[in-house]
Every structure is written in structure tokens, then in C-alpha cells.
Amino acid sequence: MEQNLNSWYAVYTKPRWEKKVAESLIRKQVETYCPINRVTHQWSDRKKVIEEPLFKSYVFVRIPENMKTTVRETAGIVNFVYWLGKPACIPEHEIDLIKRFLHEYDNVEVESFPIHQNDMIQITAGPLMHQRGRVVEAGKNTVKAVLYSMGFALTATVKKSELVLLNSNQYRQQPSNVSL
């Protein structure tokens, strides 16, 4: 019964700390999932299968609400991944899907969604974290977005890795005093 009270969350780690963080969390008796991808590397003289994290700088934890501080204080963890101002809850069926996919396939690649002009986005890191806006220009590694705050349009250049694309249902969740 208690298992149903636990939710999956994504935590953001320092670069290349995924496995270390997962081991530390396991020692703290925290249910952890660090998806490992088996990738074949080809050198001039040999091939070798390397196990590397599927999601760079991410580890999943399944915890009750009262364990968030314990997880956050683990060495190598930067913070929880936030979505709409709260730690992002990952549905169990998505974790199961990742597990089944990695069990069946090797050399899995993670691709991000393309971001285009006029898409609505939410920033996930940096000083503008949690802010929403509309893309006015999309480059190779950066996005110029108009962020709506206090009735002013502020333009900011944000790394693509620091934002997420919002779907049309999430547009409506903006405060009513914001005009798009």
C-alpha cells in the first residue's frame, strides 16, 4: 500500500555523475533508476560495448514526499527537475516503457523535439527558470524567446537544453493577466 504513495521524480546531476549518484541513493535505500544504454564503439583495432547513461545528467528516484530533502542533499545532485513550478512527477508507465525499451534494444538514441518560431516554451534552468514565453527565433543551440511578465515583453536568449516545449493545453495554464 505504501508503494502507491511514492512517486517517480527526475533529478538533475552534475555532468557524468549519473552512476555515482544512483549508487549513493541506493546506499541511502532510495529506489533509483538510472537508465543504462549499451552502445557499441568502433575503434580502428576493435569494437567494444560500453554502458552509459541514456539521459545525460538525469537519474530517476521513487520516493514519498517527505524524502525530497534527503535526495536533494545527495552529493552530485543539482536539484529536482521542475515542471510548472513543482518537481516533475514521472508517470510509472513512462519509467516502465524506458525499462522495456532498453531491455529490447541497444544503441538507443535520445532525440529532443524540434523548436520552431511561435512555439510556447518553459525555461527549466538558470535565472529565468519556470518562466514561459513564445519563441521568436530558433537557432542551432539557442532560442530567442519573448517572456511575458508584468505586461512587458522581455526578450532573452536561452540555451535549448534549458527549456521545454509546451503543448496547447499548457498554454491555458498561464495567469489570466498575461496576454499572448
N, C-alpha and C. Protein backbone atom coordinates (compact mmCIF):
# COMPACT_ATOMS: atom_id res chain seq x y z
N MET A 1 0.82 -1.20 0.00
CA MET A 1 0.00 0.00 0.00
C MET A 1 0.86 1.26 0.00
N GLU A 2 1.92 1.27 0.80
CA GLU A 2 2.80 2.42 0.88
C GLU A 2 3.46 2.73 -0.47
N GLN A 3 3.70 1.70 -1.26
CA GLN A 3 4.35 1.87 -2.57
C GLN A 3 3.55 2.83 -3.44
N ASN A 4 2.21 2.84 -3.31
CA ASN A 4 1.38 3.72 -4.12
C ASN A 4 1.58 5.19 -3.75
N LEU A 5 2.07 5.47 -2.53
CA LEU A 5 2.29 6.85 -2.10
C LEU A 5 3.58 7.41 -2.67
N ASN A 6 4.44 6.56 -3.18
CA ASN A 6 5.72 7.00 -3.73
C ASN A 6 5.54 7.37 -5.20
N SER A 7 6.18 8.47 -5.59
CA SER A 7 6.13 8.92 -6.98
C SER A 7 7.52 8.93 -7.57
N TRP A 8 7.59 8.77 -8.88
CA TRP A 8 8.87 8.87 -9.59
C TRP A 8 9.14 10.34 -9.89
N TYR A 9 10.38 10.75 -9.65
CA TYR A 9 10.83 12.10 -9.97
C TYR A 9 12.14 12.00 -10.73
N ALA A 10 12.43 13.02 -11.52
CA ALA A 10 13.73 13.12 -12.19
C ALA A 10 14.58 14.09 -11.39
N VAL A 11 15.84 13.71 -11.16
CA VAL A 11 16.79 14.63 -10.53
C VAL A 11 17.89 14.95 -11.54
N TYR A 12 18.35 16.18 -11.47
CA TYR A 12 19.40 16.66 -12.36
C TYR A 12 20.72 16.52 -11.62
N THR A 13 21.71 15.87 -12.26
CA THR A 13 23.00 15.63 -11.62
C THR A 13 24.09 16.48 -12.25
N LYS A 14 25.22 16.52 -11.57
CA LYS A 14 26.41 17.12 -12.18
C LYS A 14 26.75 16.29 -13.42
N PRO A 15 27.43 16.89 -14.40
CA PRO A 15 27.80 16.12 -15.59
C PRO A 15 28.62 14.88 -15.25
N ARG A 16 28.25 13.76 -15.85
CA ARG A 16 28.93 12.47 -15.70
C ARG A 16 28.87 11.90 -14.27
N TRP A 17 27.89 12.31 -13.49
CA TRP A 17 27.73 11.81 -12.12
C TRP A 17 26.54 10.87 -12.00
N GLU A 18 25.92 10.49 -13.09
CA GLU A 18 24.68 9.71 -13.03
C GLU A 18 24.86 8.41 -12.25
N LYS A 19 25.87 7.63 -12.59
CA LYS A 19 26.08 6.34 -11.92
C LYS A 19 26.47 6.52 -10.46
N LYS A 20 27.32 7.51 -10.16
CA LYS A 20 27.73 7.77 -8.78
C LYS A 20 26.53 8.18 -7.93
N VAL A 21 25.70 9.04 -8.48
CA VAL A 21 24.50 9.49 -7.76
C VAL A 21 23.57 8.30 -7.50
N ALA A 22 23.37 7.47 -8.51
CA ALA A 22 22.50 6.30 -8.35
C ALA A 22 23.03 5.39 -7.24
N GLU A 23 24.33 5.15 -7.21
CA GLU A 23 24.93 4.32 -6.16
C GLU A 23 24.75 4.94 -4.78
N SER A 24 24.95 6.24 -4.67
CA SER A 24 24.77 6.93 -3.38
C SER A 24 23.33 6.83 -2.91
N LEU A 25 22.39 6.99 -3.82
CA LEU A 25 20.97 6.92 -3.46
C LEU A 25 20.59 5.50 -3.02
N ILE A 26 21.14 4.51 -3.69
CA ILE A 26 20.87 3.11 -3.31
C ILE A 26 21.40 2.85 -1.90
N ARG A 27 22.59 3.39 -1.58
CA ARG A 27 23.13 3.24 -0.23
C ARG A 27 22.22 3.89 0.82
N LYS A 28 21.50 4.95 0.40
CA LYS A 28 20.55 5.61 1.31
C LYS A 28 19.19 4.91 1.29
N GLN A 29 19.11 3.78 0.61
CA GLN A 29 17.89 2.97 0.49
C GLN A 29 16.78 3.73 -0.24
N VAL A 30 17.16 4.49 -1.26
CA VAL A 30 16.21 5.19 -2.11
C VAL A 30 16.07 4.38 -3.39
N GLU A 31 14.82 4.11 -3.79
CA GLU A 31 14.60 3.40 -5.05
C GLU A 31 15.02 4.31 -6.20
N THR A 32 15.94 3.82 -7.01
CA THR A 32 16.59 4.62 -8.04
C THR A 32 16.58 3.90 -9.36
N TYR A 33 16.49 4.67 -10.44
CA TYR A 33 16.61 4.10 -11.77
C TYR A 33 17.46 5.02 -12.62
N CYS A 34 18.59 4.51 -13.03
CA CYS A 34 19.49 5.23 -13.94
C CYS A 34 19.51 4.41 -15.23
N PRO A 35 18.71 4.80 -16.23
CA PRO A 35 18.65 4.02 -17.47
C PRO A 35 20.02 3.93 -18.14
N ILE A 36 20.48 2.70 -18.36
CA ILE A 36 21.79 2.47 -18.95
C ILE A 36 21.61 1.96 -20.38
N ASN A 37 22.31 2.59 -21.29
CA ASN A 37 22.25 2.26 -22.71
C ASN A 37 23.53 1.51 -23.09
N ARG A 38 23.37 0.41 -23.78
CA ARG A 38 24.52 -0.35 -24.27
C ARG A 38 24.85 0.15 -25.68
N VAL A 39 26.01 0.77 -25.81
CA VAL A 39 26.43 1.39 -27.07
C VAL A 39 27.71 0.70 -27.56
N THR A 40 27.73 0.33 -28.83
CA THR A 40 28.91 -0.28 -29.42
C THR A 40 29.80 0.82 -29.99
N HIS A 41 31.03 0.88 -29.51
CA HIS A 41 32.01 1.84 -30.03
C HIS A 41 32.99 1.10 -30.92
N GLN A 42 33.31 1.70 -32.04
CA GLN A 42 34.23 1.10 -33.01
C GLN A 42 35.53 1.90 -33.01
N TRP A 43 36.62 1.23 -32.71
CA TRP A 43 37.94 1.81 -32.84
C TRP A 43 38.61 1.16 -34.04
N SER A 44 39.76 1.64 -34.42
CA SER A 44 40.43 1.09 -35.60
C SER A 44 40.82 -0.38 -35.41
N ASP A 45 41.08 -0.79 -34.16
CA ASP A 45 41.54 -2.15 -33.92
C ASP A 45 40.53 -3.05 -33.21
N ARG A 46 39.41 -2.50 -32.74
CA ARG A 46 38.45 -3.34 -32.01
C ARG A 46 37.09 -2.65 -31.86
N LYS A 47 36.12 -3.46 -31.46
CA LYS A 47 34.79 -2.97 -31.08
C LYS A 47 34.61 -3.25 -29.60
N LYS A 48 33.90 -2.36 -28.93
CA LYS A 48 33.64 -2.58 -27.51
C LYS A 48 32.25 -2.06 -27.17
N VAL A 49 31.52 -2.81 -26.35
CA VAL A 49 30.21 -2.38 -25.89
C VAL A 49 30.41 -1.62 -24.58
N ILE A 50 29.95 -0.38 -24.56
CA ILE A 50 30.09 0.50 -23.40
C ILE A 50 28.69 0.72 -22.81
N GLU A 51 28.60 0.70 -21.50
CA GLU A 51 27.34 1.04 -20.84
C GLU A 51 27.43 2.48 -20.37
N GLU A 52 26.50 3.30 -20.87
CA GLU A 52 26.49 4.71 -20.49
C GLU A 52 25.05 5.13 -20.20
N PRO A 53 24.88 6.17 -19.36
CA PRO A 53 23.53 6.62 -19.05
C PRO A 53 22.80 7.08 -20.31
N LEU A 54 21.53 6.70 -20.42
CA LEU A 54 20.72 7.09 -21.57
C LEU A 54 20.44 8.58 -21.56
N PHE A 55 20.09 9.11 -20.39
CA PHE A 55 19.78 10.53 -20.25
C PHE A 55 20.94 11.20 -19.52
N LYS A 56 21.66 12.05 -20.21
CA LYS A 56 22.82 12.72 -19.62
C LYS A 56 22.36 13.64 -18.49
N SER A 57 22.97 13.48 -17.32
CA SER A 57 22.73 14.29 -16.13
C SER A 57 21.35 14.08 -15.50
N TYR A 58 20.71 12.93 -15.75
CA TYR A 58 19.41 12.65 -15.13
C TYR A 58 19.41 11.27 -14.49
N VAL A 59 18.78 11.18 -13.33
CA VAL A 59 18.53 9.93 -12.62
C VAL A 59 17.09 10.02 -12.12
N PHE A 60 16.39 8.89 -12.08
CA PHE A 60 15.02 8.86 -11.59
C PHE A 60 15.00 8.27 -10.19
N VAL A 61 14.17 8.83 -9.32
CA VAL A 61 14.01 8.32 -7.96
C VAL A 61 12.53 8.13 -7.68
N ARG A 62 12.23 7.09 -6.91
CA ARG A 62 10.85 6.83 -6.50
C ARG A 62 10.80 6.99 -4.99
N ILE A 63 10.17 8.08 -4.56
CA ILE A 63 10.20 8.44 -3.14
C ILE A 63 8.87 9.01 -2.69
N PRO A 64 8.63 8.96 -1.37
CA PRO A 64 7.49 9.70 -0.84
C PRO A 64 7.87 11.18 -0.72
N GLU A 65 6.90 12.02 -0.58
CA GLU A 65 7.09 13.47 -0.49
C GLU A 65 8.13 13.86 0.57
N ASN A 66 8.12 13.19 1.72
CA ASN A 66 9.00 13.59 2.82
C ASN A 66 10.47 13.22 2.62
N MET A 67 10.82 12.54 1.53
CA MET A 67 12.22 12.16 1.26
C MET A 67 12.92 13.13 0.31
N LYS A 68 12.24 14.15 -0.17
CA LYS A 68 12.84 15.05 -1.16
C LYS A 68 14.11 15.72 -0.64
N THR A 69 14.12 16.13 0.62
CA THR A 69 15.31 16.80 1.17
C THR A 69 16.49 15.83 1.22
N THR A 70 16.24 14.60 1.63
CA THR A 70 17.31 13.59 1.67
C THR A 70 17.92 13.39 0.29
N VAL A 71 17.08 13.32 -0.71
CA VAL A 71 17.56 13.14 -2.08
C VAL A 71 18.32 14.37 -2.54
N ARG A 72 17.77 15.55 -2.30
CA ARG A 72 18.38 16.80 -2.75
C ARG A 72 19.77 17.00 -2.14
N GLU A 73 19.99 16.48 -0.93
CA GLU A 73 21.27 16.66 -0.24
C GLU A 73 22.32 15.64 -0.64
N THR A 74 22.00 14.74 -1.55
CA THR A 74 22.94 13.72 -2.01
C THR A 74 24.03 14.36 -2.87
N ALA A 75 25.26 13.99 -2.63
CA ALA A 75 26.39 14.53 -3.40
C ALA A 75 26.19 14.24 -4.89
N GLY A 76 26.38 15.26 -5.71
CA GLY A 76 26.26 15.11 -7.16
C GLY A 76 24.91 15.52 -7.71
N ILE A 77 23.92 15.69 -6.85
CA ILE A 77 22.61 16.12 -7.32
C ILE A 77 22.55 17.64 -7.30
N VAL A 78 22.15 18.21 -8.42
CA VAL A 78 21.99 19.66 -8.51
C VAL A 78 20.63 20.05 -7.94
N ASN A 79 19.57 19.39 -8.41
CA ASN A 79 18.22 19.66 -7.92
C ASN A 79 17.25 18.71 -8.60
N PHE A 80 16.02 18.76 -8.19
CA PHE A 80 14.97 18.04 -8.90
C PHE A 80 14.72 18.76 -10.22
N VAL A 81 14.22 18.04 -11.20
CA VAL A 81 13.78 18.65 -12.45
C VAL A 81 12.39 19.19 -12.18
N TYR A 82 12.18 20.46 -12.46
CA TYR A 82 10.89 21.10 -12.18
C TYR A 82 10.05 21.22 -13.44
N TRP A 83 8.75 21.11 -13.24
CA TRP A 83 7.77 21.30 -14.32
C TRP A 83 6.61 22.05 -13.72
N LEU A 84 6.28 23.21 -14.30
CA LEU A 84 5.19 24.06 -13.83
C LEU A 84 5.34 24.43 -12.35
N GLY A 85 6.58 24.70 -11.95
CA GLY A 85 6.86 25.18 -10.61
C GLY A 85 6.97 24.13 -9.52
N LYS A 86 6.86 22.85 -9.85
CA LYS A 86 6.97 21.77 -8.86
C LYS A 86 7.90 20.70 -9.40
N PRO A 87 8.50 19.89 -8.51
CA PRO A 87 9.29 18.78 -9.02
C PRO A 87 8.44 17.92 -9.96
N ALA A 88 9.00 17.62 -11.12
CA ALA A 88 8.25 16.89 -12.15
C ALA A 88 8.00 15.46 -11.72
N CYS A 89 6.73 15.07 -11.68
CA CYS A 89 6.33 13.69 -11.38
C CYS A 89 6.35 12.92 -12.70
N ILE A 90 7.04 11.80 -12.70
CA ILE A 90 7.13 10.97 -13.91
C ILE A 90 6.15 9.81 -13.74
N PRO A 91 5.19 9.66 -14.66
CA PRO A 91 4.26 8.53 -14.54
C PRO A 91 4.99 7.19 -14.59
N GLU A 92 4.52 6.26 -13.78
CA GLU A 92 5.18 4.95 -13.70
C GLU A 92 5.20 4.25 -15.05
N HIS A 93 4.15 4.43 -15.86
CA HIS A 93 4.14 3.75 -17.16
C HIS A 93 5.26 4.25 -18.07
N GLU A 94 5.71 5.52 -17.90
CA GLU A 94 6.83 6.01 -18.71
C GLU A 94 8.15 5.39 -18.26
N ILE A 95 8.32 5.19 -16.95
CA ILE A 95 9.51 4.51 -16.44
C ILE A 95 9.52 3.08 -16.95
N ASP A 96 8.36 2.41 -16.89
CA ASP A 96 8.26 1.03 -17.39
C ASP A 96 8.57 0.96 -18.88
N LEU A 97 8.11 1.95 -19.64
CA LEU A 97 8.37 1.99 -21.08
C LEU A 97 9.87 2.11 -21.35
N ILE A 98 10.55 2.97 -20.61
CA ILE A 98 12.00 3.13 -20.77
C ILE A 98 12.70 1.80 -20.46
N LYS A 99 12.30 1.16 -19.36
CA LYS A 99 12.91 -0.12 -18.98
C LYS A 99 12.72 -1.18 -20.06
N ARG A 100 11.50 -1.31 -20.57
CA ARG A 100 11.22 -2.31 -21.61
C ARG A 100 11.99 -1.99 -22.88
N PHE A 101 12.04 -0.74 -23.26
CA PHE A 101 12.73 -0.31 -24.48
C PHE A 101 14.21 -0.64 -24.40
N LEU A 102 14.84 -0.32 -23.26
CA LEU A 102 16.27 -0.59 -23.09
C LEU A 102 16.55 -2.09 -22.97
N HIS A 103 15.60 -2.85 -22.48
CA HIS A 103 15.75 -4.31 -22.40
C HIS A 103 15.77 -4.92 -23.80
N GLU A 104 15.00 -4.35 -24.71
CA GLU A 104 14.85 -4.90 -26.06
C GLU A 104 15.89 -4.39 -27.06
N TYR A 105 16.39 -3.18 -26.86
CA TYR A 105 17.24 -2.55 -27.87
C TYR A 105 18.54 -2.04 -27.28
N ASP A 106 19.61 -2.09 -28.10
CA ASP A 106 20.89 -1.48 -27.78
C ASP A 106 21.05 -0.24 -28.66
N ASN A 107 22.06 0.56 -28.36
CA ASN A 107 22.36 1.76 -29.15
C ASN A 107 21.14 2.67 -29.31
N VAL A 108 20.42 2.90 -28.20
CA VAL A 108 19.26 3.77 -28.20
C VAL A 108 19.73 5.21 -28.23
N GLU A 109 19.04 6.06 -28.97
CA GLU A 109 19.38 7.48 -29.01
C GLU A 109 18.22 8.29 -28.48
N VAL A 110 18.53 9.34 -27.74
CA VAL A 110 17.52 10.26 -27.22
C VAL A 110 17.53 11.47 -28.13
N GLU A 111 16.37 11.82 -28.65
CA GLU A 111 16.24 12.99 -29.51
C GLU A 111 15.28 13.97 -28.87
N SER A 112 15.62 15.24 -28.94
CA SER A 112 14.71 16.25 -28.41
C SER A 112 13.77 16.71 -29.52
N PHE A 113 12.66 17.28 -29.09
CA PHE A 113 11.70 17.79 -30.06
C PHE A 113 12.25 19.05 -30.71
N PRO A 114 11.99 19.23 -31.98
CA PRO A 114 12.44 20.48 -32.62
C PRO A 114 11.63 21.66 -32.09
N ILE A 115 12.28 22.79 -31.98
CA ILE A 115 11.62 24.01 -31.51
C ILE A 115 11.59 24.99 -32.66
N HIS A 116 10.41 25.54 -32.90
CA HIS A 116 10.21 26.44 -34.04
C HIS A 116 9.70 27.79 -33.57
N GLN A 117 9.78 28.76 -34.46
CA GLN A 117 9.26 30.08 -34.19
C GLN A 117 7.78 29.99 -33.82
N ASN A 118 7.36 30.75 -32.84
CA ASN A 118 5.99 30.84 -32.32
C ASN A 118 5.60 29.69 -31.40
N ASP A 119 6.49 28.72 -31.14
CA ASP A 119 6.20 27.67 -30.16
C ASP A 119 6.21 28.29 -28.77
N MET A 120 5.37 27.76 -27.90
CA MET A 120 5.38 28.18 -26.49
C MET A 120 6.36 27.28 -25.74
N ILE A 121 7.19 27.88 -24.89
CA ILE A 121 8.20 27.14 -24.15
C ILE A 121 8.16 27.53 -22.67
N GLN A 122 8.77 26.67 -21.84
CA GLN A 122 9.01 26.99 -20.44
C GLN A 122 10.48 26.73 -20.16
N ILE A 123 11.14 27.66 -19.50
CA ILE A 123 12.56 27.55 -19.19
C ILE A 123 12.73 26.68 -17.96
N THR A 124 13.68 25.74 -18.01
CA THR A 124 13.86 24.76 -16.94
C THR A 124 15.11 24.96 -16.10
N ALA A 125 15.96 25.92 -16.45
CA ALA A 125 17.19 26.14 -15.69
C ALA A 125 17.61 27.60 -15.81
N GLY A 126 18.51 28.00 -14.93
CA GLY A 126 19.07 29.34 -14.98
C GLY A 126 18.20 30.37 -14.27
N PRO A 127 18.57 31.64 -14.39
CA PRO A 127 17.87 32.69 -13.65
C PRO A 127 16.42 32.89 -14.13
N LEU A 128 16.09 32.43 -15.33
CA LEU A 128 14.73 32.58 -15.85
C LEU A 128 13.90 31.31 -15.66
N MET A 129 14.38 30.40 -14.81
CA MET A 129 13.72 29.12 -14.59
C MET A 129 12.24 29.32 -14.26
N HIS A 130 11.38 28.48 -14.84
CA HIS A 130 9.93 28.45 -14.67
C HIS A 130 9.20 29.51 -15.49
N GLN A 131 9.91 30.39 -16.17
CA GLN A 131 9.25 31.40 -16.98
C GLN A 131 8.77 30.78 -18.29
N ARG A 132 7.66 31.29 -18.79
CA ARG A 132 7.11 30.82 -20.06
C ARG A 132 7.21 31.94 -21.08
N GLY A 133 7.26 31.55 -22.34
CA GLY A 133 7.31 32.56 -23.38
C GLY A 133 7.07 31.95 -24.75
N ARG A 134 7.15 32.80 -25.76
CA ARG A 134 6.94 32.39 -27.14
C ARG A 134 8.26 32.54 -27.89
N VAL A 135 8.63 31.54 -28.67
CA VAL A 135 9.87 31.56 -29.43
C VAL A 135 9.74 32.56 -30.58
N VAL A 136 10.70 33.48 -30.66
CA VAL A 136 10.71 34.43 -31.78
C VAL A 136 11.81 34.08 -32.78
N GLU A 137 12.80 33.28 -32.34
CA GLU A 137 13.88 32.88 -33.23
C GLU A 137 14.50 31.60 -32.68
N ALA A 138 14.70 30.59 -33.52
CA ALA A 138 15.30 29.33 -33.08
C ALA A 138 16.59 29.10 -33.85
N GLY A 139 17.70 29.04 -33.11
CA GLY A 139 19.00 28.75 -33.71
C GLY A 139 19.37 27.31 -33.47
N LYS A 140 20.64 26.97 -33.77
CA LYS A 140 21.08 25.59 -33.59
C LYS A 140 21.11 25.20 -32.12
N ASN A 141 21.67 26.05 -31.26
CA ASN A 141 21.80 25.72 -29.84
C ASN A 141 21.07 26.69 -28.91
N THR A 142 20.52 27.75 -29.45
CA THR A 142 19.83 28.72 -28.61
C THR A 142 18.48 29.08 -29.20
N VAL A 143 17.64 29.62 -28.34
CA VAL A 143 16.31 30.06 -28.72
C VAL A 143 16.13 31.46 -28.18
N LYS A 144 15.64 32.37 -28.99
CA LYS A 144 15.30 33.70 -28.52
C LYS A 144 13.81 33.69 -28.24
N ALA A 145 13.44 33.95 -27.00
CA ALA A 145 12.04 33.86 -26.60
C ALA A 145 11.58 35.18 -26.00
N VAL A 146 10.32 35.51 -26.24
CA VAL A 146 9.70 36.65 -25.60
C VAL A 146 9.03 36.12 -24.34
N LEU A 147 9.42 36.66 -23.20
CA LEU A 147 8.88 36.23 -21.91
C LEU A 147 7.92 37.31 -21.42
N TYR A 148 6.72 36.91 -21.07
CA TYR A 148 5.69 37.86 -20.69
C TYR A 148 5.66 38.00 -19.18
N SER A 149 5.92 39.21 -18.72
CA SER A 149 5.96 39.45 -17.29
C SER A 149 5.51 40.89 -17.03
N MET A 150 4.57 41.06 -16.16
CA MET A 150 4.07 42.38 -15.76
C MET A 150 3.63 43.21 -16.95
N GLY A 151 3.14 42.60 -17.99
CA GLY A 151 2.65 43.33 -19.14
C GLY A 151 3.74 43.79 -20.10
N PHE A 152 4.99 43.41 -19.86
CA PHE A 152 6.09 43.79 -20.74
C PHE A 152 6.59 42.56 -21.48
N ALA A 153 7.08 42.76 -22.67
CA ALA A 153 7.71 41.66 -23.40
C ALA A 153 9.21 41.79 -23.24
N LEU A 154 9.81 40.82 -22.58
CA LEU A 154 11.26 40.80 -22.40
C LEU A 154 11.81 39.74 -23.34
N THR A 155 12.85 40.06 -24.08
CA THR A 155 13.44 39.10 -24.99
C THR A 155 14.71 38.55 -24.36
N ALA A 156 14.83 37.23 -24.34
CA ALA A 156 16.01 36.59 -23.74
C ALA A 156 16.48 35.48 -24.66
N THR A 157 17.78 35.28 -24.74
CA THR A 157 18.35 34.16 -25.48
C THR A 157 18.64 33.07 -24.47
N VAL A 158 18.07 31.89 -24.72
CA VAL A 158 18.14 30.77 -23.78
C VAL A 158 18.68 29.55 -24.51
N LYS A 159 19.54 28.77 -23.84
CA LYS A 159 20.03 27.52 -24.44
C LYS A 159 18.87 26.56 -24.61
N LYS A 160 18.84 25.84 -25.72
CA LYS A 160 17.78 24.86 -25.95
C LYS A 160 17.72 23.80 -24.86
N SER A 161 18.87 23.48 -24.29
CA SER A 161 18.91 22.47 -23.24
C SER A 161 18.22 22.93 -21.96
N GLU A 162 17.91 24.22 -21.87
CA GLU A 162 17.31 24.78 -20.65
C GLU A 162 15.84 25.11 -20.82
N LEU A 163 15.18 24.49 -21.78
CA LEU A 163 13.76 24.77 -21.94
C LEU A 163 13.02 23.55 -22.44
N VAL A 164 11.70 23.61 -22.27
CA VAL A 164 10.83 22.54 -22.75
C VAL A 164 9.72 23.16 -23.59
N LEU A 165 9.25 22.39 -24.54
CA LEU A 165 8.17 22.80 -25.40
C LEU A 165 6.86 22.54 -24.70
N LEU A 166 5.95 23.51 -24.68
CA LEU A 166 4.64 23.34 -24.06
C LEU A 166 3.62 22.97 -25.12
N ASN A 167 2.66 22.13 -24.75
CA ASN A 167 1.58 21.82 -25.69
C ASN A 167 0.44 22.81 -25.48
N SER A 168 -0.56 22.77 -26.35
CA SER A 168 -1.63 23.77 -26.33
C SER A 168 -2.41 23.77 -25.02
N ASN A 169 -2.56 22.62 -24.34
CA ASN A 169 -3.27 22.59 -23.06
C ASN A 169 -2.52 23.37 -21.99
N GLN A 170 -1.19 23.38 -22.06
CA GLN A 170 -0.40 24.08 -21.06
C GLN A 170 -0.39 25.58 -21.30
N TYR A 171 -0.71 26.04 -22.52
CA TYR A 171 -0.80 27.48 -22.77
C TYR A 171 -1.85 28.10 -21.86
N ARG A 172 -2.95 27.38 -21.69
CA ARG A 172 -4.09 27.90 -20.95
C ARG A 172 -3.82 27.98 -19.46
N GLN A 173 -2.74 27.38 -18.98
CA GLN A 173 -2.44 27.38 -17.56
C GLN A 173 -1.68 28.63 -17.14
N GLN A 174 -1.52 29.58 -18.05
CA GLN A 174 -0.82 30.80 -17.71
C GLN A 174 -1.75 31.71 -16.92
N PRO A 175 -1.21 32.60 -16.09
CA PRO A 175 -2.04 33.54 -15.36
C PRO A 175 -2.92 34.35 -16.31
N SER A 176 -4.12 34.70 -15.85
CA SER A 176 -5.07 35.37 -16.72
C SER A 176 -4.64 36.78 -17.10
N ASN A 177 -3.75 37.42 -16.34
CA ASN A 177 -3.32 38.78 -16.67
C ASN A 177 -2.23 38.81 -17.73
N VAL A 178 -1.83 37.66 -18.22
CA VAL A 178 -0.79 37.59 -19.25
C VAL A 178 -1.45 37.56 -20.61
N SER A 179 -1.03 38.44 -21.49
CA SER A 179 -1.59 38.42 -22.86
C SER A 179 -0.55 37.89 -23.82
N LEU A 180 -0.99 37.04 -24.70
CA LEU A 180 -0.06 36.48 -25.68
C LEU A 180 -0.33 37.05 -27.05
